Amino acid sequence: MRDGRRRFAESLLQFSGFVNETKQAKRYFVSGMVQGVGYRYFTQDAAEELRVSGYVRNLRDGRVEVFAMGTPQQHAQLRTLLERGPRLSSVSEVQEEDSVPDSEYAGGFLIAPNA
C-alpha cells in the first residue's frame, strides 16, 4: 500500500512539473499611441481574464512594456489583444521577446510603476 502511495505521489510530482514547464515568460514592447489612453488598464483586464500573471508599465520612451507568464495559447491570445488595444489607442507595433519566469509575479497581474 505504501509503495502505491509513493508511486502516486511521484506521478503527481512529474505531472506537476510537466504542467509548470508549459508556462512561458515573455516581454512585449508596445509602440504607438499607448500612453494616456487606458492601455495599462486594458492590458491588466485582458491578462486577468486570460489568467496570465505579470505586469504592465509605461516606459519613458512612450512605449508600454508587458511582462507576462502563461501558456503558449494564453500568450497568443494576449498578443492579439495587445495589438488591438483599447478604443482610444493606436498600436503601431508589438515587439515580443522570450524572458525568464519571475516568481514575484506568479500570483496575479499588476500595473507597475513607470520605468
Protein backbone atom coordinates (compact mmCIF):
# COMPACT_ATOMS: atom_id res chain seq x y z
CA MET A 1 0.00 0.00 0.00
CA ARG A 2 2.81 2.44 0.83
CA ASP A 3 4.56 1.72 -2.47
CA GLY A 4 1.34 2.54 -4.29
CA ARG A 5 1.06 5.88 -2.47
CA ARG A 6 4.68 6.68 -3.18
CA ARG A 7 4.28 5.93 -6.88
CA PHE A 8 1.11 8.04 -6.94
CA ALA A 9 2.92 10.94 -5.26
CA GLU A 10 5.83 10.64 -7.69
CA SER A 11 3.40 10.61 -10.60
CA LEU A 12 1.75 13.76 -9.29
CA LEU A 13 5.11 15.48 -8.96
CA GLN A 14 6.04 14.53 -12.51
CA PHE A 15 2.68 15.74 -13.81
CA SER A 16 3.02 18.99 -11.85
CA GLY A 17 6.46 19.54 -13.34
CA PHE A 18 5.13 18.90 -16.83
CA VAL A 19 2.26 21.36 -16.37
CA ASN A 20 4.59 24.04 -15.00
CA GLU A 21 7.00 23.58 -17.90
CA THR A 22 4.34 24.68 -20.36
CA LYS A 23 4.30 28.17 -18.81
CA GLN A 24 6.48 30.68 -20.62
CA ALA A 25 7.60 34.19 -19.78
CA LYS A 26 7.61 36.88 -22.45
CA ARG A 27 8.12 40.62 -22.65
CA TYR A 28 6.11 42.70 -25.07
CA PHE A 29 7.04 46.24 -26.05
CA VAL A 30 4.07 48.10 -27.49
CA SER A 31 4.57 51.22 -29.62
CA GLY A 32 2.13 53.81 -30.89
CA MET A 33 -0.38 55.95 -29.07
CA VAL A 34 -0.42 53.73 -25.98
CA GLN A 35 0.11 56.10 -23.06
CA GLY A 36 -2.68 58.23 -21.63
CA VAL A 37 -5.41 56.17 -23.33
CA GLY A 38 -6.11 53.45 -20.72
CA TYR A 39 -3.76 50.92 -22.29
CA ARG A 40 -2.35 49.64 -18.98
CA TYR A 41 -5.83 49.12 -17.51
CA PHE A 42 -6.96 47.40 -20.71
CA THR A 43 -3.92 45.10 -20.52
CA GLN A 44 -4.50 44.31 -16.85
CA ASP A 45 -8.14 43.40 -17.54
CA ALA A 46 -7.17 41.24 -20.53
CA ALA A 47 -4.42 39.44 -18.59
CA GLU A 48 -6.71 38.76 -15.64
CA GLU A 49 -9.40 37.39 -17.94
CA LEU A 50 -6.83 35.13 -19.62
CA ARG A 51 -5.32 34.16 -16.23
CA VAL A 52 -1.89 35.43 -17.21
CA SER A 53 0.39 36.74 -14.49
CA GLY A 54 2.94 39.55 -14.70
CA TYR A 55 2.84 43.33 -15.01
CA VAL A 56 2.39 46.25 -17.38
CA ARG A 57 4.10 49.64 -17.16
CA ASN A 58 4.79 52.80 -19.14
CA LEU A 59 8.30 53.38 -20.42
CA ARG A 60 9.97 56.79 -20.70
CA ASP A 61 10.27 56.47 -24.48
CA GLY A 62 6.46 56.37 -24.92
CA ARG A 63 6.13 52.60 -25.24
CA VAL A 64 4.36 50.22 -22.87
CA GLU A 65 6.16 47.15 -21.51
CA VAL A 66 4.22 43.99 -20.68
CA PHE A 67 5.85 41.12 -18.78
CA ALA A 68 3.61 38.05 -18.93
CA MET A 69 3.77 34.44 -17.78
CA GLY A 70 1.38 31.92 -19.29
CA THR A 71 0.92 29.05 -21.68
CA PRO A 72 1.64 29.43 -25.41
CA GLN A 73 -2.11 29.67 -26.05
CA GLN A 74 -2.51 32.40 -23.42
CA HIS A 75 0.39 34.33 -24.96
CA ALA A 76 -1.15 34.09 -28.43
CA GLN A 77 -4.46 35.45 -27.13
CA LEU A 78 -2.74 38.18 -25.13
CA ARG A 79 -0.67 39.30 -28.11
CA THR A 80 -3.81 39.59 -30.25
CA LEU A 81 -5.35 41.83 -27.59
CA LEU A 82 -2.16 43.89 -27.20
CA GLU A 83 -2.14 44.52 -30.96
CA ARG A 84 -5.72 45.75 -30.78
CA GLY A 85 -5.52 47.81 -27.57
CA PRO A 86 -8.33 49.86 -26.06
CA ARG A 87 -10.63 52.01 -28.16
CA LEU A 88 -8.62 55.26 -27.88
CA SER A 89 -5.22 53.69 -28.54
CA SER A 90 -3.41 53.27 -31.83
CA VAL A 91 -0.90 50.42 -31.76
CA SER A 92 1.80 50.61 -34.43
CA GLU A 93 3.99 47.69 -33.32
CA VAL A 94 4.26 44.92 -30.73
CA GLN A 95 7.76 43.53 -30.24
CA GLU A 96 7.98 40.20 -28.41
CA GLU A 97 10.93 38.54 -26.72
CA ASP A 98 11.38 35.50 -24.53
CA SER A 99 12.06 36.17 -20.89
CA VAL A 100 12.79 34.32 -17.66
CA PRO A 101 9.86 33.49 -15.34
CA ASP A 102 9.82 35.56 -12.15
CA SER A 103 8.03 34.05 -9.14
CA GLU A 104 7.45 37.57 -7.77
CA TYR A 105 4.70 38.00 -10.37
CA ALA A 106 3.26 34.47 -10.27
CA GLY A 107 0.25 35.46 -8.19
CA GLY A 108 -1.51 37.89 -10.49
CA PHE A 109 -1.18 40.78 -12.91
CA LEU A 110 -0.46 44.32 -11.78
CA ILE A 111 0.20 47.79 -13.05
CA ALA A 112 3.80 48.53 -12.10
CA PRO A 113 5.37 51.95 -11.58
CA ASN A 114 6.65 53.68 -14.70
CA ALA A 115 10.20 52.85 -15.75
